[in-house]
Amino acid sequence: MSGFYGFLFEVYPYVCLTVFLLGSLIRFDQNQYSWKSDSSQMLRAGTLRWGSNLFHAGVLFLFFGHLVGLFTPHSLYGIFMSAGTKQLLAVVAGGFAGLLCFIGLTLLLHRRIFDDRIRHTSHPTDIAVLVVLWIQLVVGLITLPYSLQHVDGSVMLILADWAQRIVTLRPVDATAMAALPWPYLFHVVFGMTIFLLFPFSRLVHVWSGFATIGFLFRPYQVVRSRRLNVPAGYDMPGQPAAVAPMTSKIQERRL
């Protein structure tokens, strides 16, 4: 059993990260026309507006919350906040964001499955991705009561230490991870699996979403309209002589 947990928490993370990064790069290079979210808004809006907005608002908060919570060293926030306080803050804020995300994702999943028009035009992976995300979200919400049973922040410290050791290529203590309750283990392993499936699904459009930040720093584009409403044959100051329209040439030939 120790070898099983050793694979899950020492080897499997690097397999998922490698496929995630290289797979995304290869798909962008080889099949850019598939790099899209495949929105079904044109078919039927319905609950899409509420579901999409709630889901994206919640999942973005959860993503950055997990990013900061797992990869911020304890020495940085330990000066003004204890591990228990940070865990309680994560439970409250994460629970609220998770609830919003759950409502939005449930609306989207219900729309994909029970709307005949949307279901028949959906790719199987579209529904599969929503199901995977829904299961991951539900298990994440199940971990909240377990977190309230460890108000000292010990579980959060174990998870953060594991994640930081993975990204810094240091040895991992799989035994400490194996001792955690099952919802944490399932949530971690299933979360890594989502990264493994990422390049082969519509989730790749997330890269484009983050790339739009570059629009804030690019120079302005100068757009000049071709509809100047200038009479044919009129020479504008500083511009070459206007060329008569083709229709006027045809009329001259007829005369």
C-alpha atoms as a PDB file:
ATOM      1  CA  MET A   1       0.000   0.000   0.000  1.00  0.00           C
ATOM      2  CA  SER A   2       2.904   2.345   0.697  1.00  0.00           C
ATOM      3  CA  GLY A   3       4.064   1.879  -2.888  1.00  0.00           C
ATOM      4  CA  PHE A   4       0.574   2.802  -4.108  1.00  0.00           C
ATOM      5  CA  TYR A   5       0.562   6.058  -2.154  1.00  0.00           C
ATOM      6  CA  GLY A   6       4.134   6.667  -3.198  1.00  0.00           C
ATOM      7  CA  PHE A   7       3.063   6.541  -6.841  1.00  0.00           C
ATOM      8  CA  LEU A   8       0.017   8.771  -6.257  1.00  0.00           C
ATOM      9  CA  PHE A   9       1.835  11.542  -4.393  1.00  0.00           C
ATOM     10  CA  GLU A  10       5.409  11.256  -5.665  1.00  0.00           C
ATOM     11  CA  VAL A  11       5.199  10.144  -9.314  1.00  0.00           C
ATOM     12  CA  TYR A  12       1.672  10.869 -10.532  1.00  0.00           C
ATOM     13  CA  PRO A  13       1.928  14.666  -9.962  1.00  0.00           C
ATOM     14  CA  TYR A  14       4.881  14.911 -12.351  1.00  0.00           C
ATOM     15  CA  VAL A  15       3.114  12.749 -14.934  1.00  0.00           C
ATOM     16  CA  CYS A  16       0.087  15.056 -14.836  1.00  0.00           C
ATOM     17  CA  LEU A  17       2.154  18.251 -14.972  1.00  0.00           C
ATOM     18  CA  THR A  18       4.233  16.967 -17.900  1.00  0.00           C
ATOM     19  CA  VAL A  19       1.163  15.988 -19.929  1.00  0.00           C
ATOM     20  CA  PHE A  20      -0.521  19.258 -18.944  1.00  0.00           C
ATOM     21  CA  LEU A  21       2.303  21.482 -20.190  1.00  0.00           C
ATOM     22  CA  LEU A  22       3.574  19.522 -23.187  1.00  0.00           C
ATOM     23  CA  GLY A  23       0.089  18.451 -24.258  1.00  0.00           C
ATOM     24  CA  SER A  24      -1.162  22.034 -24.241  1.00  0.00           C
ATOM     25  CA  LEU A  25       1.843  23.195 -26.249  1.00  0.00           C
ATOM     26  CA  ILE A  26       1.479  20.417 -28.826  1.00  0.00           C
ATOM     27  CA  ARG A  27      -2.247  21.002 -29.247  1.00  0.00           C
ATOM     28  CA  PHE A  28      -1.726  24.730 -29.759  1.00  0.00           C
ATOM     29  CA  ASP A  29       0.987  24.030 -32.325  1.00  0.00           C
ATOM     30  CA  GLN A  30      -0.757  21.213 -34.201  1.00  0.00           C
ATOM     31  CA  ASN A  31      -4.490  21.888 -33.897  1.00  0.00           C
ATOM     32  CA  GLN A  32      -5.222  25.534 -33.193  1.00  0.00           C
ATOM     33  CA  TYR A  33      -8.716  25.373 -34.715  1.00  0.00           C
ATOM     34  CA  SER A  34      -9.773  23.129 -31.823  1.00  0.00           C
ATOM     35  CA  TRP A  35      -8.457  25.633 -29.274  1.00  0.00           C
ATOM     36  CA  LYS A  36     -11.814  27.073 -28.248  1.00  0.00           C
ATOM     37  CA  SER A  37     -14.527  26.865 -25.625  1.00  0.00           C
ATOM     38  CA  ASP A  38     -17.240  25.641 -28.043  1.00  0.00           C
ATOM     39  CA  SER A  39     -19.885  27.929 -26.599  1.00  0.00           C
ATOM     40  CA  SER A  40     -23.511  26.930 -27.199  1.00  0.00           C
ATOM     41  CA  GLN A  41     -24.948  30.370 -26.512  1.00  0.00           C
ATOM     42  CA  MET A  42     -26.094  30.778 -30.118  1.00  0.00           C
ATOM     43  CA  LEU A  43     -28.244  27.653 -29.815  1.00  0.00           C
ATOM     44  CA  ARG A  44     -30.054  28.632 -26.643  1.00  0.00           C
ATOM     45  CA  ALA A  45     -29.143  31.131 -23.931  1.00  0.00           C
ATOM     46  CA  GLY A  46     -31.600  30.097 -21.224  1.00  0.00           C
ATOM     47  CA  THR A  47     -29.783  29.458 -17.952  1.00  0.00           C
ATOM     48  CA  LEU A  48     -26.379  29.888 -19.589  1.00  0.00           C
ATOM     49  CA  ARG A  49     -25.983  33.465 -18.398  1.00  0.00           C
ATOM     50  CA  TRP A  50     -26.546  32.694 -14.712  1.00  0.00           C
ATOM     51  CA  GLY A  51     -24.769  29.364 -14.822  1.00  0.00           C
ATOM     52  CA  SER A  52     -21.692  30.616 -16.660  1.00  0.00           C
ATOM     53  CA  ASN A  53     -21.279  33.769 -14.562  1.00  0.00           C
ATOM     54  CA  LEU A  54     -21.691  31.984 -11.231  1.00  0.00           C
ATOM     55  CA  PHE A  55     -19.418  29.148 -12.266  1.00  0.00           C
ATOM     56  CA  HIS A  56     -16.610  31.327 -13.598  1.00  0.00           C
ATOM     57  CA  ALA A  57     -16.728  33.733 -10.657  1.00  0.00           C
ATOM     58  CA  GLY A  58     -16.594  30.852  -8.189  1.00  0.00           C
ATOM     59  CA  VAL A  59     -13.986  28.766  -9.976  1.00  0.00           C
ATOM     60  CA  LEU A  60     -11.609  31.703 -10.463  1.00  0.00           C
ATOM     61  CA  PHE A  61     -11.788  32.507  -6.752  1.00  0.00           C
ATOM     62  CA  LEU A  62     -11.216  28.843  -5.882  1.00  0.00           C
ATOM     63  CA  PHE A  63      -8.300  28.534  -8.305  1.00  0.00           C
ATOM     64  CA  PHE A  64      -6.407  31.524  -6.982  1.00  0.00           C
ATOM     65  CA  GLY A  65      -7.389  30.644  -3.421  1.00  0.00           C
ATOM     66  CA  HIS A  66      -5.858  27.187  -3.792  1.00  0.00           C
ATOM     67  CA  LEU A  67      -2.837  28.700  -5.520  1.00  0.00           C
ATOM     68  CA  VAL A  68      -2.143  31.143  -2.696  1.00  0.00           C
ATOM     69  CA  GLY A  69      -3.119  28.748   0.073  1.00  0.00           C
ATOM     70  CA  LEU A  70      -0.961  25.853  -1.075  1.00  0.00           C
ATOM     71  CA  PHE A  71       2.100  27.623  -2.411  1.00  0.00           C
ATOM     72  CA  THR A  72       2.563  30.435   0.123  1.00  0.00           C
ATOM     73  CA  PRO A  73       5.249  29.408   2.647  1.00  0.00           C
ATOM     74  CA  HIS A  74       4.158  29.435   6.271  1.00  0.00           C
ATOM     75  CA  SER A  75       7.062  31.746   7.105  1.00  0.00           C
ATOM     76  CA  LEU A  76       5.490  34.519   5.011  1.00  0.00           C
ATOM     77  CA  TYR A  77       2.017  34.617   6.549  1.00  0.00           C
ATOM     78  CA  GLY A  78       2.989  33.195   9.949  1.00  0.00           C
ATOM     79  CA  ILE A  79       4.136  36.649  11.045  1.00  0.00           C
ATOM     80  CA  PHE A  80       0.606  38.056  11.228  1.00  0.00           C
ATOM     81  CA  MET A  81      -1.625  34.962  10.961  1.00  0.00           C
ATOM     82  CA  SER A  82      -1.587  31.499  12.472  1.00  0.00           C
ATOM     83  CA  ALA A  83      -2.137  28.349  10.433  1.00  0.00           C
ATOM     84  CA  GLY A  84      -5.475  27.791  12.171  1.00  0.00           C
ATOM     85  CA  THR A  85      -6.689  31.280  11.303  1.00  0.00           C
ATOM     86  CA  LYS A  86      -5.670  30.827   7.695  1.00  0.00           C
ATOM     87  CA  GLN A  87      -7.497  27.502   7.518  1.00  0.00           C
ATOM     88  CA  LEU A  88     -10.657  29.010   9.014  1.00  0.00           C
ATOM     89  CA  LEU A  89     -10.469  31.859   6.507  1.00  0.00           C
ATOM     90  CA  ALA A  90     -10.058  29.339   3.696  1.00  0.00           C
ATOM     91  CA  VAL A  91     -13.092  27.365   4.901  1.00  0.00           C
ATOM     92  CA  VAL A  92     -15.345  30.426   5.044  1.00  0.00           C
ATOM     93  CA  ALA A  93     -14.214  32.105   1.818  1.00  0.00           C
ATOM     94  CA  GLY A  94     -13.768  28.840  -0.052  1.00  0.00           C
ATOM     95  CA  GLY A  95     -17.142  27.574   1.117  1.00  0.00           C
ATOM     96  CA  PHE A  96     -18.903  30.684  -0.189  1.00  0.00           C
ATOM     97  CA  ALA A  97     -17.079  30.573  -3.536  1.00  0.00           C
ATOM     98  CA  GLY A  98     -17.643  26.838  -3.747  1.00  0.00           C
ATOM     99  CA  LEU A  99     -21.379  27.298  -3.221  1.00  0.00           C
ATOM    100  CA  LEU A 100     -21.563  29.855  -6.047  1.00  0.00           C
ATOM    101  CA  CYS A 101     -19.528  27.581  -8.287  1.00  0.00           C
ATOM    102  CA  PHE A 102     -21.711  24.585  -7.390  1.00  0.00           C
ATOM    103  CA  ILE A 103     -24.918  26.427  -8.322  1.00  0.00           C
ATOM    104  CA  GLY A 104     -23.480  27.662 -11.608  1.00  0.00           C
ATOM    105  CA  LEU A 105     -21.935  24.322 -12.543  1.00  0.00           C
ATOM    106  CA  THR A 106     -25.144  22.458 -11.717  1.00  0.00           C
ATOM    107  CA  LEU A 107     -27.092  24.795 -13.992  1.00  0.00           C
ATOM    108  CA  LEU A 108     -24.603  24.243 -16.816  1.00  0.00           C
ATOM    109  CA  LEU A 109     -24.608  20.476 -16.367  1.00  0.00           C
ATOM    110  CA  HIS A 110     -28.401  20.330 -16.220  1.00  0.00           C
ATOM    111  CA  ARG A 111     -28.584  22.413 -19.399  1.00  0.00           C
ATOM    112  CA  ARG A 112     -26.153  20.118 -21.243  1.00  0.00           C
ATOM    113  CA  ILE A 113     -27.940  16.925 -20.248  1.00  0.00           C
ATOM    114  CA  PHE A 114     -31.646  17.788 -20.233  1.00  0.00           C
ATOM    115  CA  ASP A 115     -31.845  20.323 -23.065  1.00  0.00           C
ATOM    116  CA  ASP A 116     -32.298  18.151 -26.169  1.00  0.00           C
ATOM    117  CA  ARG A 117     -30.944  20.742 -28.574  1.00  0.00           C
ATOM    118  CA  ILE A 118     -27.804  21.351 -26.511  1.00  0.00           C
ATOM    119  CA  ARG A 119     -27.234  17.668 -25.760  1.00  0.00           C
ATOM    120  CA  HIS A 120     -27.440  16.564 -29.392  1.00  0.00           C
ATOM    121  CA  THR A 121     -24.950  19.226 -30.490  1.00  0.00           C
ATOM    122  CA  SER A 122     -22.516  18.608 -27.621  1.00  0.00           C
ATOM    123  CA  HIS A 123     -19.367  16.549 -27.909  1.00  0.00           C
ATOM    124  CA  PRO A 124     -19.129  13.702 -25.357  1.00  0.00           C
ATOM    125  CA  THR A 125     -16.096  15.357 -23.799  1.00  0.00           C
ATOM    126  CA  ASP A 126     -18.140  18.520 -23.142  1.00  0.00           C
ATOM    127  CA  ILE A 127     -20.463  16.644 -20.804  1.00  0.00           C
ATOM    128  CA  ALA A 128     -17.601  14.570 -19.387  1.00  0.00           C
ATOM    129  CA  VAL A 129     -15.659  17.698 -18.403  1.00  0.00           C
ATOM    130  CA  LEU A 130     -18.670  19.147 -16.600  1.00  0.00           C
ATOM    131  CA  VAL A 131     -19.225  15.876 -14.737  1.00  0.00           C
ATOM    132  CA  VAL A 132     -15.568  15.681 -13.703  1.00  0.00           C
ATOM    133  CA  LEU A 133     -15.582  19.277 -12.457  1.00  0.00           C
ATOM    134  CA  TRP A 134     -18.878  18.730 -10.629  1.00  0.00           C
ATOM    135  CA  ILE A 135     -17.542  15.660  -8.801  1.00  0.00           C
ATOM    136  CA  GLN A 136     -14.338  17.482  -7.890  1.00  0.00           C
ATOM    137  CA  LEU A 137     -16.318  20.433  -6.564  1.00  0.00           C
ATOM    138  CA  VAL A 138     -18.664  18.263  -4.500  1.00  0.00           C
ATOM    139  CA  VAL A 139     -15.757  16.406  -2.892  1.00  0.00           C
ATOM    140  CA  GLY A 140     -14.082  19.742  -2.206  1.00  0.00           C
ATOM    141  CA  LEU A 141     -17.191  20.907  -0.359  1.00  0.00           C
ATOM    142  CA  ILE A 142     -17.213  17.627   1.603  1.00  0.00           C
ATOM    143  CA  THR A 143     -13.735  18.452   2.921  1.00  0.00           C
ATOM    144  CA  LEU A 144     -15.031  21.583   4.680  1.00  0.00           C
ATOM    145  CA  PRO A 145     -16.541  19.768   7.718  1.00  0.00           C
ATOM    146  CA  TYR A 146     -13.315  17.765   8.046  1.00  0.00           C
ATOM    147  CA  SER A 147     -11.320  21.006   8.040  1.00  0.00           C
ATOM    148  CA  LEU A 148     -13.425  22.365  10.906  1.00  0.00           C
ATOM    149  CA  GLN A 149     -12.388  19.324  12.937  1.00  0.00           C
ATOM    150  CA  HIS A 150      -8.729  20.375  12.640  1.00  0.00           C
ATOM    151  CA  VAL A 151      -8.834  24.031  13.600  1.00  0.00           C
ATOM    152  CA  ASP A 152      -5.102  24.022  14.361  1.00  0.00           C
ATOM    153  CA  GLY A 153      -4.367  24.054  10.638  1.00  0.00           C
ATOM    154  CA  SER A 154      -2.392  20.808  10.707  1.00  0.00           C
ATOM    155  CA  VAL A 155      -4.088  19.370   7.612  1.00  0.00           C
ATOM    156  CA  MET A 156      -3.506  22.536   5.634  1.00  0.00           C
ATOM    157  CA  LEU A 157       0.189  22.509   6.574  1.00  0.00           C
ATOM    158  CA  ILE A 158       0.558  18.905   5.373  1.00  0.00           C
ATOM    159  CA  LEU A 159      -1.116  19.672   2.039  1.00  0.00           C
ATOM    160  CA  ALA A 160       0.876  22.883   1.550  1.00  0.00           C
ATOM    161  CA  ASP A 161       4.161  21.154   2.360  1.00  0.00           C
ATOM    162  CA  TRP A 162       3.389  18.412  -0.166  1.00  0.00           C
ATOM    163  CA  ALA A 163       2.472  20.886  -2.918  1.00  0.00           C
ATOM    164  CA  GLN A 164       5.529  23.071  -2.302  1.00  0.00           C
ATOM    165  CA  ARG A 165       7.834  20.042  -2.359  1.00  0.00           C
ATOM    166  CA  ILE A 166       6.355  18.947  -5.688  1.00  0.00           C
ATOM    167  CA  VAL A 167       6.968  22.277  -7.440  1.00  0.00           C
ATOM    168  CA  THR A 168      10.461  22.642  -5.934  1.00  0.00           C
ATOM    169  CA  LEU A 169      11.437  19.059  -6.863  1.00  0.00           C
ATOM    170  CA  ARG A 170      12.124  18.012  -3.269  1.00  0.00           C
ATOM    171  CA  PRO A 171      11.423  14.589  -1.704  1.00  0.00           C
ATOM    172  CA  VAL A 172       7.792  14.067  -0.688  1.00  0.00           C
ATOM    173  CA  ASP A 173       6.501  12.362   2.451  1.00  0.00           C
ATOM    174  CA  ALA A 174       3.755  10.166   0.996  1.00  0.00           C
ATOM    175  CA  THR A 175       3.092   8.616   4.417  1.00  0.00           C
ATOM    176  CA  ALA A 176       1.888  11.932   5.838  1.00  0.00           C
ATOM    177  CA  MET A 177      -0.472  12.389   2.884  1.00  0.00           C
ATOM    178  CA  ALA A 178      -1.820   8.835   3.221  1.00  0.00           C
ATOM    179  CA  ALA A 179      -2.836   9.539   6.813  1.00  0.00           C
ATOM    180  CA  LEU A 180      -5.299  12.248   5.770  1.00  0.00           C
ATOM    181  CA  PRO A 181      -9.069  11.541   5.539  1.00  0.00           C
ATOM    182  CA  TRP A 182     -10.311  10.152   2.230  1.00  0.00           C
ATOM    183  CA  PRO A 183     -11.992  13.351   0.925  1.00  0.00           C
ATOM    184  CA  TYR A 184      -8.630  15.143   0.904  1.00  0.00           C
ATOM    185  CA  LEU A 185      -6.919  12.254  -0.882  1.00  0.00           C
ATOM    186  CA  PHE A 186      -9.669  11.988  -3.485  1.00  0.00           C
ATOM    187  CA  HIS A 187      -9.720  15.756  -3.988  1.00  0.00           C
ATOM    188  CA  VAL A 188      -5.960  15.924  -4.521  1.00  0.00           C
ATOM    189  CA  VAL A 189      -5.717  12.929  -6.867  1.00  0.00           C
ATOM    190  CA  PHE A 190      -8.812  13.895  -8.851  1.00  0.00           C
ATOM    191  CA  GLY A 191      -7.512  17.458  -9.117  1.00  0.00           C
ATOM    192  CA  MET A 192      -4.259  16.192 -10.617  1.00  0.00           C
ATOM    193  CA  THR A 193      -6.274  14.063 -13.030  1.00  0.00           C
ATOM    194  CA  ILE A 194      -8.029  17.199 -14.283  1.00  0.00           C
ATOM    195  CA  PHE A 195      -4.615  18.594 -15.238  1.00  0.00           C
ATOM    196  CA  LEU A 196      -3.934  15.295 -17.010  1.00  0.00           C
ATOM    197  CA  LEU A 197      -7.146  15.616 -19.060  1.00  0.00           C
ATOM    198  CA  PHE A 198      -6.706  19.345 -19.645  1.00  0.00           C
ATOM    199  CA  PRO A 199      -4.968  19.278 -23.078  1.00  0.00           C
ATOM    200  CA  PHE A 200      -7.507  16.825 -24.523  1.00  0.00           C
ATOM    201  CA  SER A 201     -10.662  18.799 -23.717  1.00  0.00           C
ATOM    202  CA  ARG A 202     -12.207  22.243 -24.077  1.00  0.00           C
ATOM    203  CA  LEU A 203     -10.429  23.261 -20.875  1.00  0.00           C
ATOM    204  CA  VAL A 204      -7.491  24.468 -22.980  1.00  0.00           C
ATOM    205  CA  HIS A 205      -9.375  27.735 -23.544  1.00  0.00           C
ATOM    206  CA  VAL A 206      -8.386  28.629 -19.973  1.00  0.00           C
ATOM    207  CA  TRP A 207      -4.913  29.435 -21.312  1.00  0.00           C
ATOM    208  CA  SER A 208      -6.440  32.003 -23.663  1.00  0.00           C
ATOM    209  CA  GLY A 209      -8.375  33.533 -20.781  1.00  0.00           C
ATOM    210  CA  PHE A 210      -5.206  34.183 -18.823  1.00  0.00           C
ATOM    211  CA  ALA A 211      -3.433  35.382 -21.975  1.00  0.00           C
ATOM    212  CA  THR A 212      -5.961  38.223 -22.358  1.00  0.00           C
ATOM    213  CA  ILE A 213      -4.128  40.028 -19.548  1.00  0.00           C
ATOM    214  CA  GLY A 214      -1.645  40.994 -22.257  1.00  0.00           C
ATOM    215  CA  PHE A 215      -4.288  43.271 -23.802  1.00  0.00           C
ATOM    216  CA  LEU A 216      -3.835  45.607 -20.829  1.00  0.00           C
ATOM    217  CA  PHE A 217      -0.229  46.309 -21.786  1.00  0.00           C
ATOM    218  CA  ARG A 218      -0.258  46.355 -25.582  1.00  0.00           C
ATOM    219  CA  PRO A 219      -0.225  49.706 -27.463  1.00  0.00           C
ATOM    220  CA  TYR A 220      -3.408  51.243 -28.771  1.00  0.00           C
ATOM    221  CA  GLN A 221      -4.566  50.274 -32.237  1.00  0.00           C
ATOM    222  CA  VAL A 222      -5.343  53.079 -34.672  1.00  0.00           C
ATOM    223  CA  VAL A 223      -8.420  52.228 -36.721  1.00  0.00           C
ATOM    224  CA  ARG A 224      -9.231  54.289 -39.796  1.00  0.00           C
ATOM    225  CA  SER A 225     -12.632  54.013 -41.397  1.00  0.00           C
ATOM    226  CA  ARG A 226     -12.905  53.602 -45.151  1.00  0.00           C
ATOM    227  CA  ARG A 227     -16.386  55.148 -45.162  1.00  0.00           C
ATOM    228  CA  LEU A 228     -15.392  58.818 -45.557  1.00  0.00           C
ATOM    229  CA  ASN A 229     -18.537  59.886 -47.412  1.00  0.00           C
ATOM    230  CA  VAL A 230     -16.399  61.823 -49.901  1.00  0.00           C
ATOM    231  CA  PRO A 231     -17.945  62.458 -53.363  1.00  0.00           C
ATOM    232  CA  ALA A 232     -16.382  60.494 -56.211  1.00  0.00           C
ATOM    233  CA  GLY A 233     -13.637  62.389 -58.002  1.00  0.00           C
ATOM    234  CA  TYR A 234     -13.017  64.791 -55.096  1.00  0.00           C
ATOM    235  CA  ASP A 235      -9.325  65.261 -54.319  1.00  0.00           C
ATOM    236  CA  MET A 236      -8.684  65.570 -50.584  1.00  0.00           C
ATOM    237  CA  PRO A 237      -5.843  67.886 -49.531  1.00  0.00           C
ATOM    238  CA  GLY A 238      -2.559  66.036 -49.157  1.00  0.00           C
ATOM    239  CA  GLN A 239      -3.955  62.852 -50.732  1.00  0.00           C
ATOM    240  CA  PRO A 240      -3.447  61.370 -54.232  1.00  0.00           C
ATOM    241  CA  ALA A 241      -6.044  62.157 -56.838  1.00  0.00           C
ATOM    242  CA  ALA A 242      -9.167  60.099 -56.328  1.00  0.00           C
ATOM    243  CA  VAL A 243      -9.828  57.336 -58.800  1.00  0.00           C
ATOM    244  CA  ALA A 244     -13.246  57.453 -60.404  1.00  0.00           C
ATOM    245  CA  PRO A 245     -15.509  54.581 -59.441  1.00  0.00           C
ATOM    246  CA  MET A 246     -15.910  51.666 -61.819  1.00  0.00           C
ATOM    247  CA  THR A 247     -19.556  52.561 -62.386  1.00  0.00           C
ATOM    248  CA  SER A 248     -18.651  55.992 -63.794  1.00  0.00           C
ATOM    249  CA  LYS A 249     -16.164  54.362 -66.182  1.00  0.00           C
ATOM    250  CA  ILE A 250     -18.840  52.052 -67.485  1.00  0.00           C
ATOM    251  CA  GLN A 251     -21.194  54.979 -68.023  1.00  0.00           C
ATOM    252  CA  GLU A 252     -18.481  56.895 -69.980  1.00  0.00           C
ATOM    253  CA  ARG A 253     -17.966  53.896 -72.240  1.00  0.00           C
ATOM    254  CA  ARG A 254     -21.682  53.667 -72.917  1.00  0.00           C
ATOM    255  CA  LEU A 255     -21.770  57.326 -73.915  1.00  0.00           C
END
